[in-house]
Amino acid sequence: MNLLLWPERLLFRSESESKESDVDELERAQELAAQFNERCLAEHMRQAHQNTPTSAVRCCEDCDILIPAARLAVLPDAVCCVDCQALREAYSVDQHR
């Protein structure tokens, strides 16, 4: 074994292990974020079911206009009218850019 190349091999091995470690940490962070989002969504759904029966008439959380029965028939857990939900989604997309 050439002793002059030995430190370079160690350095290369260390760099590749570091990159793998960074990727593992990123994947773990993404997994935790996805789990957190799932829990938040489940809690939101639970509260929506608990607070208001699905057959009840509801007002939009944002504009206080009645949510149409057709929307509630398709999305029983809806808390916003179509227009306000579109605004929420557009705002959410802008926040992640």
N, C-alpha and C. Protein backbone atom coordinates (compact mmCIF):
# COMPACT_ATOMS: atom_id res chain seq x y z
N MET A 1 0.84 -1.18 0.00
CA MET A 1 0.00 0.00 0.00
C MET A 1 0.89 1.24 0.00
N ASN A 2 0.56 2.16 -0.84
CA ASN A 2 1.32 3.40 -0.93
C ASN A 2 0.89 4.30 0.22
N LEU A 3 1.79 4.59 1.12
CA LEU A 3 1.47 5.40 2.31
C LEU A 3 1.15 6.84 1.96
N LEU A 4 1.58 7.30 0.79
CA LEU A 4 1.27 8.67 0.40
C LEU A 4 -0.20 8.82 0.00
N LEU A 5 -0.80 7.75 -0.50
CA LEU A 5 -2.21 7.80 -0.91
C LEU A 5 -3.16 7.53 0.25
N TRP A 6 -2.67 6.98 1.32
CA TRP A 6 -3.51 6.60 2.45
C TRP A 6 -4.33 7.77 3.02
N PRO A 7 -3.74 8.96 3.29
CA PRO A 7 -4.55 10.07 3.80
C PRO A 7 -5.64 10.51 2.83
N GLU A 8 -5.34 10.46 1.52
CA GLU A 8 -6.34 10.84 0.53
C GLU A 8 -7.52 9.87 0.55
N ARG A 9 -7.22 8.59 0.70
CA ARG A 9 -8.29 7.59 0.76
C ARG A 9 -9.17 7.81 2.00
N LEU A 10 -8.53 8.11 3.12
CA LEU A 10 -9.30 8.39 4.34
C LEU A 10 -10.18 9.62 4.16
N LEU A 11 -9.63 10.65 3.56
CA LEU A 11 -10.38 11.88 3.34
C LEU A 11 -11.57 11.62 2.42
N PHE A 12 -11.36 10.88 1.33
CA PHE A 12 -12.44 10.56 0.41
C PHE A 12 -13.52 9.74 1.11
N ARG A 13 -13.11 8.74 1.89
CA ARG A 13 -14.06 7.91 2.61
C ARG A 13 -14.86 8.75 3.61
N SER A 14 -14.18 9.66 4.29
CA SER A 14 -14.85 10.53 5.26
C SER A 14 -15.86 11.45 4.58
N GLU A 15 -15.49 12.02 3.43
CA GLU A 15 -16.40 12.91 2.70
C GLU A 15 -17.64 12.17 2.22
N SER A 16 -17.46 10.97 1.69
CA SER A 16 -18.62 10.22 1.18
C SER A 16 -19.52 9.78 2.33
N GLU A 17 -18.94 9.42 3.48
CA GLU A 17 -19.76 9.08 4.65
C GLU A 17 -20.53 10.29 5.13
N SER A 18 -19.90 11.47 5.08
CA SER A 18 -20.55 12.71 5.51
C SER A 18 -21.74 13.02 4.60
N LYS A 19 -21.56 12.85 3.29
CA LYS A 19 -22.65 13.10 2.34
C LYS A 19 -23.81 12.15 2.59
N GLU A 20 -23.50 10.87 2.84
CA GLU A 20 -24.54 9.89 3.14
C GLU A 20 -25.27 10.26 4.42
N SER A 21 -24.53 10.73 5.40
CA SER A 21 -25.13 11.14 6.67
C SER A 21 -26.06 12.33 6.47
N ASP A 22 -25.65 13.29 5.64
CA ASP A 22 -26.49 14.46 5.35
C ASP A 22 -27.79 14.04 4.66
N VAL A 23 -27.68 13.10 3.72
CA VAL A 23 -28.86 12.61 3.01
C VAL A 23 -29.78 11.89 3.99
N ASP A 24 -29.21 11.07 4.87
CA ASP A 24 -30.01 10.36 5.87
C ASP A 24 -30.75 11.35 6.78
N GLU A 25 -30.06 12.40 7.20
CA GLU A 25 -30.68 13.40 8.07
C GLU A 25 -31.80 14.13 7.34
N LEU A 26 -31.60 14.46 6.08
CA LEU A 26 -32.62 15.13 5.28
C LEU A 26 -33.85 14.23 5.11
N GLU A 27 -33.62 12.96 4.79
CA GLU A 27 -34.73 12.03 4.64
C GLU A 27 -35.50 11.88 5.95
N ARG A 28 -34.78 11.82 7.06
CA ARG A 28 -35.43 11.70 8.37
C ARG A 28 -36.25 12.96 8.68
N ALA A 29 -35.71 14.13 8.37
CA ALA A 29 -36.44 15.38 8.61
C ALA A 29 -37.70 15.42 7.76
N GLN A 30 -37.61 15.00 6.50
CA GLN A 30 -38.79 14.98 5.63
C GLN A 30 -39.83 14.00 6.15
N GLU A 31 -39.37 12.86 6.64
CA GLU A 31 -40.28 11.85 7.19
C GLU A 31 -41.00 12.40 8.43
N LEU A 32 -40.25 13.07 9.31
CA LEU A 32 -40.86 13.65 10.51
C LEU A 32 -41.85 14.75 10.15
N ALA A 33 -41.53 15.56 9.17
CA ALA A 33 -42.44 16.62 8.73
C ALA A 33 -43.73 16.02 8.17
N ALA A 34 -43.61 14.96 7.40
CA ALA A 34 -44.79 14.30 6.84
C ALA A 34 -45.66 13.71 7.95
N GLN A 35 -45.02 13.09 8.95
CA GLN A 35 -45.77 12.55 10.08
C GLN A 35 -46.48 13.65 10.85
N PHE A 36 -45.79 14.77 11.05
CA PHE A 36 -46.38 15.91 11.75
C PHE A 36 -47.60 16.43 10.99
N ASN A 37 -47.45 16.58 9.67
CA ASN A 37 -48.57 17.05 8.85
C ASN A 37 -49.76 16.10 8.91
N GLU A 38 -49.48 14.80 8.89
CA GLU A 38 -50.56 13.81 8.97
C GLU A 38 -51.29 13.92 10.30
N ARG A 39 -50.52 14.10 11.40
CA ARG A 39 -51.14 14.24 12.71
C ARG A 39 -51.98 15.50 12.80
N CYS A 40 -51.46 16.60 12.25
CA CYS A 40 -52.21 17.86 12.26
C CYS A 40 -53.51 17.73 11.47
N LEU A 41 -53.43 17.10 10.32
CA LEU A 41 -54.63 16.91 9.50
C LEU A 41 -55.63 16.02 10.22
N ALA A 42 -55.15 14.94 10.85
CA ALA A 42 -56.05 14.05 11.58
C ALA A 42 -56.72 14.79 12.74
N GLU A 43 -55.97 15.62 13.44
CA GLU A 43 -56.54 16.40 14.54
C GLU A 43 -57.57 17.40 14.02
N HIS A 44 -57.26 18.04 12.92
CA HIS A 44 -58.21 18.98 12.31
C HIS A 44 -59.50 18.27 11.93
N MET A 45 -59.38 17.11 11.33
CA MET A 45 -60.55 16.34 10.92
C MET A 45 -61.35 15.92 12.15
N ARG A 46 -60.65 15.50 13.20
CA ARG A 46 -61.33 15.08 14.42
C ARG A 46 -62.12 16.24 15.02
N GLN A 47 -61.50 17.41 15.08
CA GLN A 47 -62.18 18.57 15.64
C GLN A 47 -63.36 18.99 14.77
N ALA A 48 -63.20 18.92 13.48
CA ALA A 48 -64.31 19.28 12.59
C ALA A 48 -65.50 18.36 12.81
N HIS A 49 -65.23 17.07 12.97
CA HIS A 49 -66.32 16.11 13.22
C HIS A 49 -66.92 16.31 14.60
N GLN A 50 -66.08 16.64 15.56
CA GLN A 50 -66.54 16.78 16.93
C GLN A 50 -67.40 18.03 17.11
N ASN A 51 -67.00 19.12 16.50
CA ASN A 51 -67.67 20.40 16.71
C ASN A 51 -68.96 20.55 15.93
N THR A 52 -69.03 19.95 14.76
CA THR A 52 -70.19 20.16 13.90
C THR A 52 -70.58 18.85 13.23
N PRO A 53 -71.83 18.46 13.36
CA PRO A 53 -72.26 17.26 12.62
C PRO A 53 -72.13 17.50 11.12
N THR A 54 -71.82 16.45 10.37
CA THR A 54 -71.58 16.62 8.94
C THR A 54 -72.83 17.04 8.18
N SER A 55 -74.00 16.80 8.74
CA SER A 55 -75.23 17.18 8.04
C SER A 55 -75.62 18.64 8.32
N ALA A 56 -74.91 19.29 9.23
CA ALA A 56 -75.26 20.66 9.61
C ALA A 56 -74.83 21.66 8.55
N VAL A 57 -75.51 22.78 8.56
CA VAL A 57 -75.12 23.89 7.69
C VAL A 57 -73.97 24.61 8.38
N ARG A 58 -72.96 24.94 7.62
CA ARG A 58 -71.79 25.61 8.20
C ARG A 58 -71.46 26.86 7.44
N CYS A 59 -70.84 27.78 8.16
CA CYS A 59 -70.34 29.01 7.56
C CYS A 59 -68.84 28.89 7.35
N CYS A 60 -68.36 29.54 6.34
CA CYS A 60 -66.94 29.58 6.04
C CYS A 60 -66.19 30.22 7.20
N GLU A 61 -65.07 29.63 7.61
CA GLU A 61 -64.26 30.18 8.69
C GLU A 61 -63.68 31.54 8.34
N ASP A 62 -63.48 31.80 7.06
CA ASP A 62 -62.81 33.03 6.65
C ASP A 62 -63.76 34.18 6.33
N CYS A 63 -64.87 33.88 5.64
CA CYS A 63 -65.75 34.97 5.19
C CYS A 63 -67.15 34.92 5.81
N ASP A 64 -67.43 33.89 6.59
CA ASP A 64 -68.72 33.72 7.28
C ASP A 64 -69.93 33.55 6.36
N ILE A 65 -69.70 33.26 5.09
CA ILE A 65 -70.80 32.95 4.16
C ILE A 65 -71.10 31.46 4.28
N LEU A 66 -72.36 31.09 4.11
CA LEU A 66 -72.73 29.67 4.19
C LEU A 66 -71.96 28.85 3.15
N ILE A 67 -71.46 27.71 3.60
CA ILE A 67 -70.80 26.79 2.67
C ILE A 67 -71.91 26.04 1.95
N PRO A 68 -71.91 26.05 0.63
CA PRO A 68 -72.99 25.39 -0.12
C PRO A 68 -73.13 23.91 0.24
N ALA A 69 -74.37 23.44 0.27
CA ALA A 69 -74.66 22.05 0.60
C ALA A 69 -73.95 21.10 -0.37
N ALA A 70 -73.84 21.49 -1.63
CA ALA A 70 -73.16 20.64 -2.62
C ALA A 70 -71.69 20.43 -2.23
N ARG A 71 -71.05 21.49 -1.74
CA ARG A 71 -69.65 21.36 -1.31
C ARG A 71 -69.56 20.44 -0.10
N LEU A 72 -70.46 20.61 0.87
CA LEU A 72 -70.44 19.77 2.06
C LEU A 72 -70.77 18.32 1.73
N ALA A 73 -71.57 18.10 0.70
CA ALA A 73 -71.88 16.73 0.29
C ALA A 73 -70.63 16.04 -0.25
N VAL A 74 -69.80 16.80 -0.96
CA VAL A 74 -68.58 16.23 -1.53
C VAL A 74 -67.46 16.20 -0.50
N LEU A 75 -67.35 17.27 0.28
CA LEU A 75 -66.30 17.39 1.31
C LEU A 75 -66.96 17.69 2.66
N PRO A 76 -67.42 16.67 3.37
CA PRO A 76 -68.13 16.89 4.63
C PRO A 76 -67.32 17.64 5.68
N ASP A 77 -66.00 17.60 5.57
CA ASP A 77 -65.14 18.26 6.55
C ASP A 77 -64.73 19.67 6.13
N ALA A 78 -65.29 20.16 5.05
CA ALA A 78 -64.91 21.49 4.55
C ALA A 78 -65.21 22.55 5.60
N VAL A 79 -64.26 23.46 5.79
CA VAL A 79 -64.45 24.56 6.74
C VAL A 79 -64.45 25.90 6.03
N CYS A 80 -64.19 25.88 4.72
CA CYS A 80 -64.16 27.11 3.92
C CYS A 80 -64.99 26.93 2.66
N CYS A 81 -65.49 28.05 2.16
CA CYS A 81 -66.14 28.02 0.86
C CYS A 81 -65.07 27.81 -0.21
N VAL A 82 -65.47 27.56 -1.43
CA VAL A 82 -64.53 27.28 -2.51
C VAL A 82 -63.56 28.45 -2.72
N ASP A 83 -64.08 29.67 -2.73
CA ASP A 83 -63.23 30.83 -2.98
C ASP A 83 -62.17 31.00 -1.89
N CYS A 84 -62.59 30.91 -0.64
CA CYS A 84 -61.63 31.08 0.46
C CYS A 84 -60.62 29.94 0.51
N GLN A 85 -61.05 28.73 0.18
CA GLN A 85 -60.12 27.60 0.15
C GLN A 85 -59.08 27.82 -0.94
N ALA A 86 -59.50 28.33 -2.09
CA ALA A 86 -58.56 28.63 -3.17
C ALA A 86 -57.55 29.67 -2.72
N LEU A 87 -58.01 30.68 -2.00
CA LEU A 87 -57.09 31.70 -1.48
C LEU A 87 -56.10 31.10 -0.48
N ARG A 88 -56.60 30.23 0.40
CA ARG A 88 -55.71 29.57 1.37
C ARG A 88 -54.64 28.75 0.66
N GLU A 89 -55.05 28.00 -0.35
CA GLU A 89 -54.10 27.17 -1.07
C GLU A 89 -53.09 28.01 -1.84
N ALA A 90 -53.54 29.09 -2.44
CA ALA A 90 -52.62 29.98 -3.16
C ALA A 90 -51.62 30.60 -2.20
N TYR A 91 -52.08 31.00 -1.03
CA TYR A 91 -51.20 31.58 -0.01
C TYR A 91 -50.20 30.54 0.47
N SER A 92 -50.67 29.31 0.68
CA SER A 92 -49.79 28.24 1.14
C SER A 92 -48.70 27.94 0.11
N VAL A 93 -49.06 27.93 -1.16
CA VAL A 93 -48.07 27.68 -2.23
C VAL A 93 -47.04 28.80 -2.25
N ASP A 94 -47.50 30.05 -2.12
CA ASP A 94 -46.58 31.19 -2.11
C ASP A 94 -45.63 31.13 -0.92
N GLN A 95 -46.09 30.64 0.22
CA GLN A 95 -45.26 30.57 1.42
C GLN A 95 -44.14 29.54 1.26
N HIS A 96 -44.35 28.53 0.43
CA HIS A 96 -43.36 27.47 0.28
C HIS A 96 -42.39 27.72 -0.87
N ARG A 97 -42.46 28.87 -1.49
CA ARG A 97 -41.54 29.18 -2.59
C ARG A 97 -40.36 29.93 -2.07
